[in-house]
Protein backbone atom coordinates (compact mmCIF):
# COMPACT_ATOMS: atom_id res chain seq x y z
CA MET A 1 2.28 -89.73 13.89
CA SER A 2 4.00 -86.39 13.85
CA ARG A 3 2.86 -83.77 16.36
CA PHE A 4 3.23 -81.08 13.73
CA ARG A 5 0.69 -80.40 11.04
CA LYS A 6 1.98 -80.11 7.55
CA VAL A 7 1.60 -76.62 6.26
CA PRO A 8 0.39 -76.64 2.67
CA ASN A 9 2.68 -75.06 0.14
CA VAL A 10 1.75 -71.56 -0.86
CA PRO A 11 1.69 -71.23 -4.61
CA PHE A 12 4.65 -69.20 -5.93
CA ASN A 13 2.55 -66.70 -7.78
CA VAL A 14 0.51 -65.83 -4.67
CA SER A 15 3.61 -65.45 -2.52
CA ARG A 16 5.20 -63.26 -5.15
CA SER A 17 2.08 -61.10 -5.43
CA LEU A 18 1.99 -60.49 -1.70
CA GLY A 19 5.65 -59.58 -1.69
CA LEU A 20 5.22 -57.16 -4.55
CA ALA A 21 2.21 -55.61 -2.85
CA LEU A 22 4.20 -55.00 0.32
CA LEU A 23 7.08 -53.58 -1.68
CA CYS A 24 4.77 -51.27 -3.61
CA THR A 25 3.19 -50.10 -0.36
CA VAL A 26 6.58 -49.26 1.13
CA VAL A 27 7.66 -47.46 -2.03
CA LEU A 28 4.36 -45.54 -2.23
CA VAL A 29 4.66 -44.40 1.38
CA GLY A 30 8.19 -43.27 0.68
CA VAL A 31 7.16 -41.39 -2.45
CA VAL A 32 4.29 -39.68 -0.63
CA GLY A 33 6.66 -38.74 2.19
CA LEU A 34 9.15 -37.30 -0.28
CA SER A 35 6.36 -35.41 -2.07
CA ILE A 36 5.14 -33.86 1.18
CA SER A 37 8.68 -32.92 2.15
CA ALA A 38 9.31 -31.45 -1.29
CA SER A 39 6.01 -29.56 -1.13
CA ASN A 40 6.82 -28.13 2.30
CA ALA A 41 10.31 -27.20 1.15
CA LYS A 42 8.85 -25.39 -1.87
CA LYS A 43 6.34 -23.53 0.33
CA GLN A 44 9.12 -22.46 2.67
CA ALA A 45 11.28 -21.35 -0.27
CA ASP A 46 8.34 -19.42 -1.75
CA ALA A 47 7.63 -17.80 1.61
CA LYS A 48 11.26 -16.74 1.91
CA SER A 49 11.12 -15.28 -1.60
CA ASP A 50 7.83 -13.49 -0.84
CA SER A 51 9.29 -12.08 2.38
CA LYS A 52 12.20 -10.62 0.43
CA VAL A 53 9.84 -9.13 -2.18
CA PHE A 54 7.58 -7.61 0.49
CA HIS A 55 10.31 -6.03 2.60
CA SER A 56 12.25 -4.80 -0.44
CA ALA A 57 9.12 -3.00 -1.66
CA MET A 58 8.58 -1.41 1.76
CA ARG A 59 12.20 -0.24 1.74
CA THR A 60 11.87 1.23 -1.76
CA LEU A 61 9.14 3.53 -0.43
CA LEU A 62 11.64 4.97 2.06
CA THR A 63 14.35 5.80 -0.48
CA THR A 64 12.56 7.19 -3.53
CA GLU A 65 13.10 10.64 -5.05
CA GLY A 66 9.48 11.00 -6.09
CA ILE A 67 6.23 9.08 -6.39
CA THR A 68 2.58 9.42 -7.42
CA CYS A 69 -0.18 8.06 -5.22
CA THR A 70 -3.73 7.75 -6.62
CA VAL A 71 -6.55 7.29 -4.11
CA LYS A 72 -10.00 6.17 -5.22
CA ASP A 73 -12.83 6.18 -2.69
CA ASP A 74 -16.59 5.70 -2.85
CA LYS A 75 -18.22 6.40 0.48
CA GLU A 76 -21.86 7.21 1.21
CA GLY A 77 -22.56 8.30 -2.35
CA ILE A 78 -19.48 10.53 -2.59
CA LYS A 79 -16.90 9.41 -5.14
CA THR A 80 -13.41 10.81 -4.74
CA ASP A 81 -10.41 10.45 -7.04
CA GLN A 82 -7.19 12.10 -5.92
CA VAL A 83 -3.82 11.96 -7.66
CA VAL A 84 -0.95 13.19 -5.47
CA SER A 85 2.68 13.52 -6.57
CA LEU A 86 5.45 14.13 -4.04
CA ASP A 87 8.94 15.53 -4.53
CA LEU A 88 10.92 13.67 -1.86
CA GLU A 89 14.15 15.55 -2.53
CA ARG A 90 12.58 18.99 -2.13
CA GLN A 91 10.37 18.41 0.89
CA HIS A 92 6.98 20.11 1.07
CA HIS A 93 6.78 20.30 -2.72
CA ALA A 94 3.79 18.40 -4.10
CA THR A 95 0.91 18.50 -6.57
CA SER A 96 -2.61 17.13 -6.41
CA LEU A 97 -5.56 16.69 -8.75
CA THR A 98 -8.80 15.94 -6.89
CA THR A 99 -12.23 15.14 -8.32
CA ILE A 100 -15.33 14.83 -6.14
CA ARG A 101 -18.68 13.60 -7.54
CA GLN A 102 -22.01 13.56 -5.74
CA GLU A 103 -25.61 13.62 -7.06
CA GLY A 104 -24.98 15.51 -10.28
CA THR A 105 -22.27 17.72 -8.80
CA GLU A 106 -18.67 17.40 -9.94
CA VAL A 107 -15.75 19.49 -8.72
CA THR A 108 -12.13 19.08 -9.82
CA THR A 109 -9.33 21.07 -8.22
CA GLU A 110 -5.65 21.23 -9.04
CA ALA A 111 -3.23 22.24 -6.29
CA LEU A 112 0.46 23.12 -5.92
CA TYR A 113 2.17 22.88 -2.54
CA PHE A 114 5.27 24.73 -1.34
CA PRO A 115 6.90 25.00 2.11
CA ASP A 116 5.17 28.30 2.97
CA LYS A 117 2.12 28.52 0.69
CA GLU A 118 -0.19 26.60 -1.57
CA TYR A 119 -2.10 27.36 -4.75
CA VAL A 120 -5.41 25.88 -5.87
CA LYS A 121 -7.65 26.30 -8.91
CA TYR A 122 -10.92 24.83 -10.12
CA THR A 123 -10.59 22.99 -13.43
CA THR A 124 -14.11 21.51 -13.47
CA LEU A 125 -17.24 22.90 -11.79
CA LYS A 126 -20.57 21.22 -12.45
CA ILE A 127 -23.19 22.19 -9.91
CA LYS A 128 -26.96 21.75 -9.78
CA GLY A 129 -29.02 24.22 -11.75
CA ASP A 130 -26.60 24.43 -14.68
CA LYS A 131 -25.18 27.67 -13.32
CA ASP A 132 -22.39 29.45 -15.19
CA THR A 133 -19.11 28.75 -13.40
CA SER A 134 -16.74 29.81 -16.18
CA GLN A 135 -15.49 32.88 -14.26
CA LEU A 136 -14.14 30.58 -11.54
CA LEU A 137 -12.30 28.11 -13.75
CA ASN A 138 -8.52 27.97 -14.11
CA ARG A 139 -7.83 30.93 -11.81
CA TRP A 140 -5.14 30.29 -9.25
CA GLY A 141 -5.97 31.03 -5.65
CA GLU A 142 -3.14 31.54 -3.16
CA GLN A 143 -3.16 30.91 0.57
CA PRO A 144 -0.38 30.77 3.17
CA ILE A 145 0.34 27.60 5.11
CA GLU A 146 -0.34 28.72 8.66
CA ASN A 147 0.67 25.49 10.34
CA THR A 148 3.73 23.89 8.72
CA ASN A 149 3.48 21.03 11.24
CA ALA A 150 0.25 19.85 9.59
CA SER A 151 1.05 20.23 5.89
CA PHE A 152 -0.54 18.44 2.97
CA TYR A 153 2.89 17.04 2.08
CA GLY A 154 3.40 15.66 5.59
CA LYS A 155 -0.09 14.17 5.79
CA THR A 156 0.40 12.38 2.48
CA ALA A 157 3.91 11.10 3.22
CA LEU A 158 2.99 9.96 6.74
CA GLY A 159 -0.17 7.95 6.23
CA GLY A 160 -2.26 9.58 3.54
CA CYS A 161 -1.34 6.66 1.27
CA ILE A 162 -1.25 4.25 4.28
CA VAL A 163 2.44 3.35 3.88
CA PRO A 164 5.17 5.89 4.75
CA ILE A 165 6.92 7.59 1.83
CA ALA A 166 10.32 9.23 2.20
CA GLY A 167 13.59 10.12 0.49
CA LEU A 168 15.97 8.77 3.13
CA SER A 169 19.52 7.44 2.89
CA ASP A 170 20.15 3.70 2.68
CA GLN A 171 21.46 3.67 6.24
CA GLU A 172 18.36 5.42 7.61
CA ALA A 173 16.06 3.15 5.62
CA ASP A 174 17.81 -0.01 6.85
CA LYS A 175 17.47 1.11 10.47
CA LEU A 176 13.76 1.81 10.05
CA MET A 177 13.20 -1.51 8.29
CA GLU A 178 14.71 -3.39 11.22
CA GLY A 179 12.22 -1.75 13.55
CA MET A 180 9.33 -2.34 11.15
CA LYS A 181 10.05 -6.07 10.96
CA LYS A 182 10.57 -6.43 14.69
CA ALA A 183 7.30 -4.68 15.54
CA SER A 184 5.33 -6.43 12.73
CA VAL A 185 3.96 -3.06 11.64
CA PHE A 186 2.57 -4.57 8.43
CA LYS A 187 1.75 -8.07 9.64
CA THR A 188 1.33 -10.77 6.99
CA ASP A 189 1.68 -14.54 6.61
CA PHE A 190 4.15 -15.12 3.79
CA MET A 191 3.06 -18.77 3.52
CA LYS A 192 -0.33 -17.52 2.31
CA ALA A 193 0.87 -15.01 -0.28
CA THR A 194 -0.55 -15.55 -3.77
CA THR A 195 0.93 -14.94 -7.21
CA SER A 196 -0.74 -13.75 -10.41
CA ASP A 197 0.45 -12.80 -13.88
CA THR A 198 -1.04 -9.40 -14.68
CA SER A 199 -0.15 -8.02 -18.10
CA GLY A 200 3.13 -9.89 -18.01
CA GLN A 201 3.96 -8.72 -14.47
CA ASP A 202 4.65 -11.09 -11.57
CA ILE A 203 2.31 -9.64 -8.95
CA ARG A 204 2.34 -10.97 -5.38
CA ALA A 205 -0.69 -10.39 -3.14
CA PHE A 206 -0.26 -10.15 0.65
CA ALA A 207 -3.08 -10.00 3.18
CA VAL A 208 -1.86 -7.39 5.68
CA THR A 209 -3.09 -6.46 9.14
CA ILE A 210 -2.14 -3.10 10.66
CA LYS A 211 -2.42 -2.61 14.40
CA PRO A 212 -2.72 1.04 15.51
CA GLU A 213 -0.04 1.23 18.22
CA PRO A 214 2.98 -0.18 16.30
CA TYR A 215 1.80 1.63 13.16
CA ILE A 216 1.76 5.12 14.67
CA SER A 217 5.04 4.43 16.49
CA TYR A 218 6.67 3.51 13.20
CA MET A 219 5.20 6.53 11.43
CA LYS A 220 6.60 8.83 14.13
CA GLN A 221 10.04 7.26 13.60
CA VAL A 222 9.81 7.89 9.85
CA ALA A 223 8.67 11.47 10.52
CA LYS A 224 11.67 12.07 12.78
CA ALA A 225 14.09 10.62 10.24
CA SER A 226 12.50 12.85 7.57
CA ASN A 227 12.63 15.96 9.77
CA LEU A 228 8.85 16.29 9.63
CA LYS A 229 6.98 17.50 12.70
CA ASP A 230 3.45 16.57 11.60
CA LEU A 231 3.07 13.70 14.10
CA GLU A 232 4.84 15.22 17.12
CA SER A 233 1.60 16.10 18.91
CA ILE A 234 0.05 12.65 18.44
CA ASN A 235 0.12 10.37 21.46
CA LYS A 236 0.47 6.79 20.24
CA ASP A 237 -1.49 5.31 23.17
CA ALA A 238 -4.39 7.73 22.77
CA PHE A 239 -4.34 7.17 19.02
CA ALA A 240 -4.47 3.39 19.44
CA GLU A 241 -7.46 3.60 21.81
CA ASN A 242 -9.61 5.24 19.14
CA GLN A 243 -8.60 2.99 16.23
CA THR A 244 -9.22 -0.62 15.21
CA ASP A 245 -7.06 -3.05 13.29
CA ALA A 246 -7.09 -2.50 9.53
CA SER A 247 -7.22 -5.39 7.05
CA LEU A 248 -5.74 -4.68 3.63
CA VAL A 249 -4.26 -6.40 0.61
CA PHE A 250 -0.89 -5.23 -0.74
CA PHE A 251 -0.14 -6.00 -4.42
CA ILE A 252 3.58 -5.92 -5.18
CA ASP A 253 5.50 -6.13 -8.45
CA ALA A 254 8.03 -8.89 -7.69
CA LYS A 255 10.35 -7.95 -10.56
CA ASN A 256 10.70 -4.24 -9.80
CA LEU A 257 10.17 -4.68 -6.04
CA GLN A 258 7.54 -1.93 -5.97
CA LEU A 259 4.23 -1.67 -4.19
CA LYS A 260 1.58 -1.23 -6.89
CA THR A 261 -1.79 -1.23 -5.13
CA ILE A 262 -3.34 -1.28 -1.67
CA HIS A 263 -6.95 -2.38 -1.31
CA HIS A 264 -8.80 -1.67 1.91
CA GLN A 265 -11.03 -4.69 2.48
CA ALA A 266 -13.60 -2.97 4.71
CA SER A 267 -14.35 -0.30 2.11
CA SER A 268 -14.04 0.40 -1.58
CA ARG A 269 -10.87 2.44 -1.07
CA THR A 270 -8.02 1.65 -3.44
CA ILE A 271 -4.58 3.27 -3.60
CA ASN A 272 -2.29 2.91 -6.62
CA PHE A 273 1.43 3.79 -6.70
CA THR A 274 3.17 4.90 -9.91
CA ASP A 275 6.07 7.03 -11.16
CA TYR A 276 8.64 5.76 -8.67
CA GLY A 277 11.70 8.01 -8.66
CA LYS A 278 9.95 10.73 -10.67
CA ALA A 279 9.50 14.06 -8.89
CA PRO A 280 6.60 16.28 -10.00
CA GLU A 281 7.18 19.64 -11.64
CA VAL A 282 6.00 22.22 -9.12
CA ILE A 283 6.18 25.73 -10.57
CA GLN A 284 4.80 28.74 -8.77
CA PRO A 285 2.07 30.59 -10.75
CA GLU A 286 2.89 34.11 -11.92
CA THR A 287 -0.46 35.53 -10.83
CA ALA A 288 -3.00 34.50 -8.24
CA VAL A 289 -5.91 35.89 -6.22
CA PRO A 290 -6.59 35.05 -2.58
CA ALA A 291 -8.00 31.52 -2.42
CA GLU A 292 -10.76 32.73 -0.10
CA GLU A 293 -12.00 34.99 -2.91
CA LEU A 294 -12.58 31.96 -5.15
CA ARG A 295 -14.34 30.10 -2.37
CA ARG A 296 -16.59 33.10 -1.70
CA GLN A 297 -17.62 33.33 -5.34
CA LEU A 298 -18.40 29.60 -5.36
CA ARG A 299 -20.56 29.92 -2.25
CA GLU A 300 -22.54 32.72 -3.91
CA LEU A 301 -23.37 30.41 -6.83
CA ASN A 302 -24.83 27.88 -4.42
């Protein structure tokens, strides 16, 4: 008798089924692997594209001839809407339209800013008691700018709209952008950027974190390149000690490479950017009274 047991024949159809199953498993694993690789490659390509969109938009802000920045804020029952337009070619020329609302009171002021003086007028005055304010409306008040190192123009261009705004040369802008990237002034994860179609626009959303120390350092560099002295007296270390990180969302138009909106996550503050390249018309009024005179008359009504 043979020492070896006879192995029964495995039916052909069973053997074939097992072979096909193994083959399918191998193919499936390969397909899944390719899908993951393709997915990762797409994410990396999207992140590279988003990085280009983000940094191009930040650079555009440094080389524009004019821009309008609209700030909306609602804090502790006080609603503020402010529309500011800057002339980046003629520094220290700007306009603003500001409306403040609180408990039945509404005040709207229009202002014109020049290198050595500014003009302001009330266009809306609604105060409690239904008092007659008509004698104060649409009268320009004039006041000198006593400290040109702390001008409205400088405050707006160097942080009033969070991002720096300037009319620099391409060479100056490129140098600043290198420093901005290296210091991660506006830190974001491009792998987590999102895309939405808003009114036919390709809008990319970036969650951005701003740390005080690199932020103020960068702003001081922009100020120096712009020949603005507004931040000279600020010590970056002391500034950083009294500030916390800011979390914001930047919404950027990917086609035009322009920052459209900044939303501050810890508050209801929203900043919109429009009229890129368009400088405001800033014309000095022919007649004006001292601005303090208008303020005195307003105080008397209260």
